[in-house]
Amino acid sequence: MTNKNLFILFVFIFIVTIIAVGQCNKTALDTAKFAEGTSELSTLKGHTFFIVSAVFSPDGKTIVTASGDNTARIWETTTGKELQVLEGHTDMVRSAAFSPDGKIIVTASKDKTARIWETTTGTELQILKGHTDFVMSAVFSPDGKTIVTTSDDTTARIWD
């Protein structure tokens, strides 16, 4: 291949690259414009350490957050007002989930427990003990009668 052919090939690759980059930037700009249509409804402030997870209640009126500050907190969705602080875990709360009717919350913690809470008062109802390592997650069954927890101890446990 002659130098002239190499030069033409180089110019062709350069032009194709410029066109491709321009198309990528156009897509990125379109995505950014799409995102401009969203707006922040509220900010949830109150945790004193990082927030690990956040989940809406079944009716969408409240949110529960789990945090490295060893608490879970319940918030009003539209205003961001803190409604309850769920205190009792002795280590990071990894996850929190509402029961299907929204009246109960289960939390999972690095303290090797899951805890069950009453939503409106924040009262702790029960402690689920049995895992030998961090409880990573806990969720209710669709009928709300059982809970499954997962752990770093390589087990999942089903609770009545």
N, C-alpha and C. Protein backbone atom coordinates (compact mmCIF):
# COMPACT_ATOMS: atom_id res chain seq x y z
N MET A 1 0.84 -1.16 0.00
CA MET A 1 0.00 0.00 0.00
C MET A 1 0.90 1.24 0.00
N THR A 2 0.60 2.18 -0.87
CA THR A 2 1.44 3.38 -0.99
C THR A 2 1.10 4.36 0.12
N ASN A 3 1.97 5.33 0.32
CA ASN A 3 1.73 6.36 1.33
C ASN A 3 0.45 7.14 1.03
N LYS A 4 0.19 7.37 -0.26
CA LYS A 4 -1.00 8.11 -0.65
C LYS A 4 -2.25 7.32 -0.24
N ASN A 5 -2.25 5.99 -0.48
CA ASN A 5 -3.39 5.15 -0.10
C ASN A 5 -3.57 5.09 1.43
N LEU A 6 -2.46 5.03 2.14
CA LEU A 6 -2.52 5.04 3.60
C LEU A 6 -3.11 6.35 4.10
N PHE A 7 -2.69 7.45 3.50
CA PHE A 7 -3.21 8.76 3.88
C PHE A 7 -4.71 8.83 3.64
N ILE A 8 -5.18 8.37 2.48
CA ILE A 8 -6.61 8.39 2.15
C ILE A 8 -7.38 7.51 3.15
N LEU A 9 -6.82 6.33 3.47
CA LEU A 9 -7.46 5.44 4.43
C LEU A 9 -7.54 6.12 5.80
N PHE A 10 -6.47 6.77 6.23
CA PHE A 10 -6.44 7.48 7.50
C PHE A 10 -7.51 8.58 7.53
N VAL A 11 -7.60 9.38 6.47
CA VAL A 11 -8.59 10.45 6.39
C VAL A 11 -10.00 9.86 6.45
N PHE A 12 -10.23 8.75 5.74
CA PHE A 12 -11.55 8.11 5.73
C PHE A 12 -11.92 7.65 7.15
N ILE A 13 -10.99 6.99 7.85
CA ILE A 13 -11.25 6.53 9.22
C ILE A 13 -11.50 7.72 10.13
N PHE A 14 -10.74 8.80 9.97
CA PHE A 14 -10.91 10.01 10.78
C PHE A 14 -12.31 10.59 10.58
N ILE A 15 -12.75 10.69 9.33
CA ILE A 15 -14.08 11.26 9.04
C ILE A 15 -15.18 10.36 9.63
N VAL A 16 -15.07 9.06 9.46
CA VAL A 16 -16.07 8.13 10.02
C VAL A 16 -16.11 8.26 11.54
N THR A 17 -14.94 8.40 12.18
CA THR A 17 -14.88 8.56 13.63
C THR A 17 -15.58 9.84 14.06
N ILE A 18 -15.33 10.94 13.37
CA ILE A 18 -15.97 12.22 13.69
C ILE A 18 -17.49 12.09 13.58
N ILE A 19 -17.97 11.45 12.53
CA ILE A 19 -19.42 11.28 12.34
C ILE A 19 -19.98 10.43 13.48
N ALA A 20 -19.30 9.34 13.83
CA ALA A 20 -19.77 8.46 14.90
C ALA A 20 -19.81 9.19 16.23
N VAL A 21 -18.76 9.96 16.54
CA VAL A 21 -18.73 10.71 17.80
C VAL A 21 -19.85 11.74 17.81
N GLY A 22 -20.08 12.38 16.71
CA GLY A 22 -21.17 13.35 16.62
C GLY A 22 -22.52 12.71 16.89
N GLN A 23 -22.74 11.49 16.36
CA GLN A 23 -23.99 10.78 16.62
C GLN A 23 -24.11 10.40 18.09
N CYS A 24 -23.00 9.98 18.70
CA CYS A 24 -23.03 9.64 20.13
C CYS A 24 -23.38 10.87 20.96
N ASN A 25 -22.77 12.01 20.64
CA ASN A 25 -23.06 13.23 21.37
C ASN A 25 -24.51 13.65 21.18
N LYS A 26 -25.05 13.48 19.97
CA LYS A 26 -26.44 13.83 19.73
C LYS A 26 -27.35 12.98 20.59
N THR A 27 -27.06 11.67 20.69
CA THR A 27 -27.86 10.79 21.53
C THR A 27 -27.77 11.22 22.98
N ALA A 28 -26.57 11.55 23.44
CA ALA A 28 -26.40 11.99 24.82
C ALA A 28 -27.19 13.27 25.08
N LEU A 29 -27.17 14.20 24.12
CA LEU A 29 -27.93 15.43 24.28
C LEU A 29 -29.42 15.16 24.33
N ASP A 30 -29.91 14.25 23.49
CA ASP A 30 -31.33 13.92 23.51
C ASP A 30 -31.72 13.32 24.86
N THR A 31 -30.86 12.48 25.40
CA THR A 31 -31.14 11.89 26.69
C THR A 31 -31.17 12.96 27.77
N ALA A 32 -30.23 13.88 27.72
CA ALA A 32 -30.20 14.96 28.70
C ALA A 32 -31.46 15.81 28.60
N LYS A 33 -31.91 16.10 27.39
CA LYS A 33 -33.14 16.88 27.21
C LYS A 33 -34.33 16.14 27.77
N PHE A 34 -34.35 14.81 27.59
CA PHE A 34 -35.44 14.02 28.13
C PHE A 34 -35.45 14.12 29.65
N ALA A 35 -34.25 14.09 30.26
CA ALA A 35 -34.15 14.16 31.71
C ALA A 35 -34.56 15.52 32.25
N GLU A 36 -34.49 16.57 31.43
CA GLU A 36 -34.86 17.89 31.89
C GLU A 36 -36.33 17.96 32.28
N GLY A 37 -37.14 17.02 31.81
CA GLY A 37 -38.56 17.02 32.13
C GLY A 37 -38.85 16.52 33.53
N THR A 38 -37.86 15.95 34.23
CA THR A 38 -38.09 15.45 35.59
C THR A 38 -37.76 16.54 36.59
N SER A 39 -38.39 16.45 37.75
CA SER A 39 -38.09 17.42 38.79
C SER A 39 -38.09 16.74 40.14
N GLU A 40 -37.28 17.24 41.03
CA GLU A 40 -37.19 16.69 42.38
C GLU A 40 -38.44 17.07 43.16
N LEU A 41 -39.07 16.09 43.77
CA LEU A 41 -40.27 16.35 44.55
C LEU A 41 -39.95 16.72 45.98
N SER A 42 -38.99 16.03 46.57
CA SER A 42 -38.58 16.32 47.94
C SER A 42 -37.22 15.70 48.21
N THR A 43 -36.60 16.13 49.30
CA THR A 43 -35.31 15.59 49.72
C THR A 43 -35.50 14.99 51.10
N LEU A 44 -35.02 13.77 51.27
CA LEU A 44 -35.15 13.07 52.54
C LEU A 44 -33.88 13.29 53.35
N LYS A 45 -33.98 14.13 54.38
CA LYS A 45 -32.81 14.47 55.20
C LYS A 45 -33.06 14.05 56.64
N GLY A 46 -32.08 13.35 57.22
CA GLY A 46 -32.20 12.93 58.60
C GLY A 46 -31.20 11.86 58.98
N HIS A 47 -30.86 11.00 58.03
CA HIS A 47 -29.85 9.97 58.32
C HIS A 47 -28.52 10.65 58.58
N THR A 48 -27.70 10.02 59.41
CA THR A 48 -26.39 10.59 59.74
C THR A 48 -25.25 9.85 59.06
N PHE A 49 -25.58 8.85 58.23
CA PHE A 49 -24.57 8.10 57.48
C PHE A 49 -25.22 7.69 56.17
N PHE A 50 -24.49 7.04 55.30
CA PHE A 50 -24.98 6.74 53.96
C PHE A 50 -26.28 5.94 53.98
N ILE A 51 -27.09 6.13 52.94
CA ILE A 51 -28.34 5.41 52.77
C ILE A 51 -28.10 4.27 51.79
N VAL A 52 -28.46 3.06 52.20
CA VAL A 52 -28.20 1.86 51.42
C VAL A 52 -29.34 1.55 50.45
N SER A 53 -30.58 1.75 50.91
CA SER A 53 -31.72 1.44 50.05
C SER A 53 -32.91 2.31 50.41
N ALA A 54 -33.84 2.39 49.46
CA ALA A 54 -35.09 3.12 49.66
C ALA A 54 -36.19 2.39 48.89
N VAL A 55 -37.36 2.25 49.53
CA VAL A 55 -38.47 1.52 48.93
C VAL A 55 -39.78 2.25 49.21
N PHE A 56 -40.63 2.33 48.19
CA PHE A 56 -41.96 2.91 48.36
C PHE A 56 -42.89 1.93 49.07
N SER A 57 -43.82 2.46 49.85
CA SER A 57 -44.90 1.64 50.42
C SER A 57 -45.83 1.24 49.28
N PRO A 58 -46.66 0.21 49.49
CA PRO A 58 -47.57 -0.23 48.42
C PRO A 58 -48.49 0.87 47.89
N ASP A 59 -48.91 1.80 48.75
CA ASP A 59 -49.79 2.88 48.28
C ASP A 59 -49.02 4.08 47.76
N GLY A 60 -47.68 4.05 47.87
CA GLY A 60 -46.84 5.12 47.36
C GLY A 60 -46.80 6.38 48.21
N LYS A 61 -47.46 6.38 49.36
CA LYS A 61 -47.53 7.57 50.19
C LYS A 61 -46.32 7.74 51.11
N THR A 62 -45.62 6.64 51.37
CA THR A 62 -44.45 6.70 52.23
C THR A 62 -43.29 5.94 51.59
N ILE A 63 -42.10 6.20 52.13
CA ILE A 63 -40.87 5.55 51.70
C ILE A 63 -40.15 5.10 52.96
N VAL A 64 -39.51 3.94 52.91
CA VAL A 64 -38.63 3.52 54.00
C VAL A 64 -37.21 3.46 53.44
N THR A 65 -36.26 4.02 54.21
CA THR A 65 -34.86 4.00 53.83
C THR A 65 -34.08 3.20 54.86
N ALA A 66 -33.01 2.56 54.42
CA ALA A 66 -32.12 1.80 55.29
C ALA A 66 -30.75 2.47 55.23
N SER A 67 -30.06 2.53 56.38
CA SER A 67 -28.84 3.33 56.42
C SER A 67 -27.72 2.70 57.23
N GLY A 68 -26.52 3.19 56.94
CA GLY A 68 -25.34 2.82 57.70
C GLY A 68 -25.33 3.42 59.09
N ASP A 69 -26.30 4.27 59.42
CA ASP A 69 -26.38 4.82 60.78
C ASP A 69 -27.15 3.91 61.73
N ASN A 70 -27.38 2.66 61.31
CA ASN A 70 -28.06 1.61 62.11
C ASN A 70 -29.56 1.84 62.25
N THR A 71 -30.13 2.70 61.43
CA THR A 71 -31.57 2.95 61.49
C THR A 71 -32.21 2.76 60.13
N ALA A 72 -33.52 2.61 60.18
CA ALA A 72 -34.36 2.74 59.00
C ALA A 72 -35.29 3.91 59.33
N ARG A 73 -35.72 4.61 58.31
CA ARG A 73 -36.59 5.76 58.55
C ARG A 73 -37.75 5.73 57.57
N ILE A 74 -38.89 6.19 58.05
CA ILE A 74 -40.09 6.25 57.22
C ILE A 74 -40.37 7.72 56.92
N TRP A 75 -40.65 8.00 55.64
CA TRP A 75 -40.81 9.37 55.15
C TRP A 75 -42.12 9.53 54.40
N GLU A 76 -42.67 10.70 54.47
CA GLU A 76 -43.82 11.07 53.63
C GLU A 76 -43.28 11.39 52.24
N THR A 77 -43.86 10.76 51.24
CA THR A 77 -43.33 10.89 49.88
C THR A 77 -43.38 12.31 49.35
N THR A 78 -44.51 12.98 49.46
CA THR A 78 -44.66 14.28 48.81
C THR A 78 -43.90 15.42 49.48
N THR A 79 -43.77 15.36 50.82
CA THR A 79 -43.12 16.47 51.52
C THR A 79 -41.69 16.16 51.96
N GLY A 80 -41.35 14.87 52.05
CA GLY A 80 -40.04 14.49 52.56
C GLY A 80 -39.96 14.52 54.08
N LYS A 81 -41.11 14.72 54.74
CA LYS A 81 -41.15 14.78 56.20
C LYS A 81 -40.83 13.40 56.79
N GLU A 82 -39.96 13.38 57.80
CA GLU A 82 -39.63 12.15 58.49
C GLU A 82 -40.78 11.80 59.43
N LEU A 83 -41.33 10.59 59.29
CA LEU A 83 -42.47 10.17 60.11
C LEU A 83 -42.05 9.29 61.29
N GLN A 84 -41.10 8.39 61.06
CA GLN A 84 -40.64 7.47 62.11
C GLN A 84 -39.16 7.16 61.93
N VAL A 85 -38.49 6.94 63.04
CA VAL A 85 -37.12 6.42 63.03
C VAL A 85 -37.18 5.03 63.67
N LEU A 86 -36.76 4.03 62.94
CA LEU A 86 -36.78 2.65 63.43
C LEU A 86 -35.40 2.34 64.02
N GLU A 87 -35.30 2.41 65.34
CA GLU A 87 -34.04 2.23 66.05
C GLU A 87 -34.05 0.93 66.84
N GLY A 88 -32.94 0.23 66.83
CA GLY A 88 -32.81 -1.01 67.56
C GLY A 88 -31.67 -1.87 67.04
N HIS A 89 -31.38 -1.75 65.75
CA HIS A 89 -30.26 -2.50 65.19
C HIS A 89 -28.96 -1.96 65.77
N THR A 90 -27.97 -2.84 65.91
CA THR A 90 -26.68 -2.43 66.46
C THR A 90 -25.59 -2.31 65.39
N ASP A 91 -25.99 -2.45 64.12
CA ASP A 91 -25.07 -2.28 63.00
C ASP A 91 -25.88 -1.81 61.79
N MET A 92 -25.21 -1.58 60.70
CA MET A 92 -25.83 -1.05 59.49
C MET A 92 -27.10 -1.80 59.09
N VAL A 93 -28.14 -1.05 58.73
CA VAL A 93 -29.35 -1.64 58.18
C VAL A 93 -29.15 -1.73 56.68
N ARG A 94 -29.18 -2.95 56.15
CA ARG A 94 -28.87 -3.21 54.74
C ARG A 94 -30.08 -3.02 53.83
N SER A 95 -31.27 -3.38 54.31
CA SER A 95 -32.46 -3.24 53.48
C SER A 95 -33.69 -3.13 54.36
N ALA A 96 -34.76 -2.64 53.76
CA ALA A 96 -36.05 -2.53 54.45
C ALA A 96 -37.13 -2.75 53.40
N ALA A 97 -38.24 -3.35 53.84
CA ALA A 97 -39.33 -3.61 52.90
C ALA A 97 -40.66 -3.54 53.63
N PHE A 98 -41.67 -3.05 52.91
CA PHE A 98 -43.03 -2.99 53.43
C PHE A 98 -43.74 -4.32 53.21
N SER A 99 -44.67 -4.63 54.10
CA SER A 99 -45.59 -5.74 53.88
C SER A 99 -46.55 -5.32 52.76
N PRO A 100 -47.23 -6.28 52.14
CA PRO A 100 -48.14 -5.92 51.04
C PRO A 100 -49.24 -4.92 51.43
N ASP A 101 -49.68 -4.94 52.69
CA ASP A 101 -50.70 -3.98 53.12
C ASP A 101 -50.10 -2.66 53.62
N GLY A 102 -48.76 -2.59 53.71
CA GLY A 102 -48.07 -1.38 54.11
C GLY A 102 -48.08 -1.11 55.61
N LYS A 103 -48.61 -2.02 56.41
CA LYS A 103 -48.72 -1.79 57.85
C LYS A 103 -47.49 -2.23 58.65
N ILE A 104 -46.66 -3.06 58.03
CA ILE A 104 -45.49 -3.63 58.70
C ILE A 104 -44.25 -3.41 57.81
N ILE A 105 -43.10 -3.26 58.46
CA ILE A 105 -41.82 -3.16 57.74
C ILE A 105 -40.89 -4.21 58.30
N VAL A 106 -40.10 -4.83 57.45
CA VAL A 106 -39.04 -5.71 57.89
C VAL A 106 -37.71 -5.09 57.47
N THR A 107 -36.74 -5.12 58.39
CA THR A 107 -35.40 -4.60 58.10
C THR A 107 -34.39 -5.72 58.24
N ALA A 108 -33.30 -5.62 57.49
CA ALA A 108 -32.21 -6.59 57.53
C ALA A 108 -30.94 -5.83 57.89
N SER A 109 -30.12 -6.43 58.75
CA SER A 109 -28.97 -5.70 59.27
C SER A 109 -27.69 -6.52 59.31
N LYS A 110 -26.60 -5.78 59.33
CA LYS A 110 -25.28 -6.38 59.53
C LYS A 110 -25.15 -6.97 60.92
N ASP A 111 -26.08 -6.65 61.83
CA ASP A 111 -26.02 -7.20 63.20
C ASP A 111 -26.54 -8.64 63.28
N LYS A 112 -26.75 -9.28 62.12
CA LYS A 112 -27.17 -10.68 62.00
C LYS A 112 -28.64 -10.91 62.33
N THR A 113 -29.42 -9.82 62.36
CA THR A 113 -30.85 -9.96 62.64
C THR A 113 -31.68 -9.28 61.56
N ALA A 114 -32.93 -9.68 61.52
CA ALA A 114 -33.96 -8.95 60.80
C ALA A 114 -34.96 -8.53 61.87
N ARG A 115 -35.58 -7.40 61.68
CA ARG A 115 -36.54 -6.92 62.69
C ARG A 115 -37.83 -6.52 62.00
N ILE A 116 -38.91 -6.72 62.71
CA ILE A 116 -40.24 -6.40 62.19
C ILE A 116 -40.78 -5.21 62.99
N TRP A 117 -41.32 -4.23 62.26
CA TRP A 117 -41.75 -2.96 62.85
C TRP A 117 -43.18 -2.63 62.43
N GLU A 118 -43.88 -1.96 63.33
CA GLU A 118 -45.20 -1.43 63.01
C GLU A 118 -44.99 -0.08 62.34
N THR A 119 -45.61 0.14 61.22
CA THR A 119 -45.32 1.32 60.39
C THR A 119 -45.75 2.64 61.03
N THR A 120 -46.96 2.73 61.54
CA THR A 120 -47.46 4.03 62.01
C THR A 120 -46.80 4.51 63.30
N THR A 121 -46.41 3.57 64.19
CA THR A 121 -45.81 3.99 65.46
C THR A 121 -44.30 3.79 65.51
N GLY A 122 -43.76 2.96 64.62
CA GLY A 122 -42.33 2.65 64.65
C GLY A 122 -41.96 1.66 65.73
N THR A 123 -42.96 1.00 66.32
CA THR A 123 -42.72 0.03 67.38
C THR A 123 -42.10 -1.25 66.83
N GLU A 124 -41.04 -1.72 67.49
CA GLU A 124 -40.44 -2.99 67.10
C GLU A 124 -41.33 -4.11 67.61
N LEU A 125 -41.74 -5.01 66.70
CA LEU A 125 -42.65 -6.10 67.03
C LEU A 125 -41.92 -7.41 67.30
N GLN A 126 -40.83 -7.65 66.56
CA GLN A 126 -40.15 -8.94 66.70
C GLN A 126 -38.74 -8.84 66.12
N ILE A 127 -37.84 -9.67 66.68
CA ILE A 127 -36.48 -9.80 66.17
C ILE A 127 -36.33 -11.22 65.62
N LEU A 128 -35.88 -11.33 64.38
CA LEU A 128 -35.64 -12.63 63.75
C LEU A 128 -34.16 -12.95 63.87
N LYS A 129 -33.83 -13.95 64.69
CA LYS A 129 -32.44 -14.36 64.93
C LYS A 129 -32.24 -15.76 64.40
N GLY A 130 -31.06 -16.04 63.90
CA GLY A 130 -30.74 -17.37 63.42
C GLY A 130 -29.59 -17.38 62.43
N HIS A 131 -29.44 -16.28 61.68
CA HIS A 131 -28.32 -16.19 60.75
C HIS A 131 -27.02 -16.03 61.54
N THR A 132 -25.94 -16.54 60.98
CA THR A 132 -24.64 -16.44 61.66
C THR A 132 -23.73 -15.39 61.04
N ASP A 133 -24.26 -14.63 60.08
CA ASP A 133 -23.51 -13.55 59.44
C ASP A 133 -24.50 -12.46 59.04
N PHE A 134 -24.02 -11.43 58.36
CA PHE A 134 -24.85 -10.29 57.98
C PHE A 134 -26.14 -10.75 57.33
N VAL A 135 -27.26 -10.13 57.69
CA VAL A 135 -28.50 -10.34 56.97
C VAL A 135 -28.54 -9.27 55.89
N MET A 136 -28.53 -9.71 54.65
CA MET A 136 -28.40 -8.80 53.51
C MET A 136 -29.74 -8.21 53.07
N SER A 137 -30.79 -9.04 53.07
CA SER A 137 -32.09 -8.55 52.63
C SER A 137 -33.19 -9.33 53.31
N ALA A 138 -34.36 -8.72 53.35
CA ALA A 138 -35.56 -9.34 53.91
C ALA A 138 -36.76 -8.79 53.16
N VAL A 139 -37.65 -9.68 52.76
CA VAL A 139 -38.87 -9.26 52.04
C VAL A 139 -40.05 -10.11 52.47
N PHE A 140 -41.24 -9.55 52.32
CA PHE A 140 -42.48 -10.25 52.62
C PHE A 140 -42.93 -11.05 51.40
N SER A 141 -43.64 -12.13 51.67
CA SER A 141 -44.31 -12.87 50.60
C SER A 141 -45.48 -12.03 50.09
N PRO A 142 -46.00 -12.33 48.92
CA PRO A 142 -47.12 -11.54 48.38
C PRO A 142 -48.35 -11.51 49.29
N ASP A 143 -48.58 -12.57 50.07
CA ASP A 143 -49.73 -12.56 50.98
C ASP A 143 -49.40 -11.95 52.34
N GLY A 144 -48.14 -11.59 52.57
CA GLY A 144 -47.72 -10.95 53.81
C GLY A 144 -47.59 -11.87 55.00
N LYS A 145 -47.74 -13.17 54.80
CA LYS A 145 -47.71 -14.11 55.92
C LYS A 145 -46.33 -14.67 56.24
N THR A 146 -45.41 -14.57 55.29
CA THR A 146 -44.05 -15.06 55.52
C THR A 146 -43.03 -14.02 55.08
N ILE A 147 -41.84 -14.18 55.61
CA ILE A 147 -40.71 -13.31 55.27
C ILE A 147 -39.57 -14.21 54.85
N VAL A 148 -38.82 -13.79 53.85
CA VAL A 148 -37.58 -14.51 53.52
C VAL A 148 -36.42 -13.55 53.75
N THR A 149 -35.36 -14.08 54.40
CA THR A 149 -34.15 -13.30 54.63
C THR A 149 -32.99 -14.00 53.95
N THR A 150 -32.01 -13.21 53.52
CA THR A 150 -30.79 -13.76 52.93
C THR A 150 -29.61 -13.25 53.74
N SER A 151 -28.53 -14.06 53.73
CA SER A 151 -27.40 -13.72 54.57
C SER A 151 -26.07 -14.05 53.92
N ASP A 152 -25.03 -13.40 54.40
CA ASP A 152 -23.67 -13.74 54.01
C ASP A 152 -23.28 -15.12 54.50
N ASP A 153 -24.08 -15.72 55.37
CA ASP A 153 -23.78 -17.08 55.84
C ASP A 153 -24.18 -18.13 54.81
N THR A 154 -24.54 -17.70 53.62
CA THR A 154 -24.92 -18.53 52.46
C THR A 154 -26.26 -19.24 52.63
N THR A 155 -27.11 -18.70 53.50
CA THR A 155 -28.45 -19.28 53.65
C THR A 155 -29.51 -18.23 53.36
N ALA A 156 -30.67 -18.72 52.99
CA ALA A 156 -31.89 -17.93 52.95
C ALA A 156 -32.83 -18.63 53.93
N ARG A 157 -33.52 -17.86 54.71
CA ARG A 157 -34.42 -18.45 55.71
C ARG A 157 -35.82 -17.89 55.49
N ILE A 158 -36.80 -18.79 55.66
CA ILE A 158 -38.19 -18.40 55.53
C ILE A 158 -38.79 -18.40 56.93
N TRP A 159 -39.46 -17.30 57.26
CA TRP A 159 -40.00 -17.08 58.61
C TRP A 159 -41.52 -16.97 58.51
N ASP A 160 -42.20 -17.57 59.51
CA ASP A 160 -43.66 -17.52 59.57
C ASP A 160 -44.09 -16.20 60.19
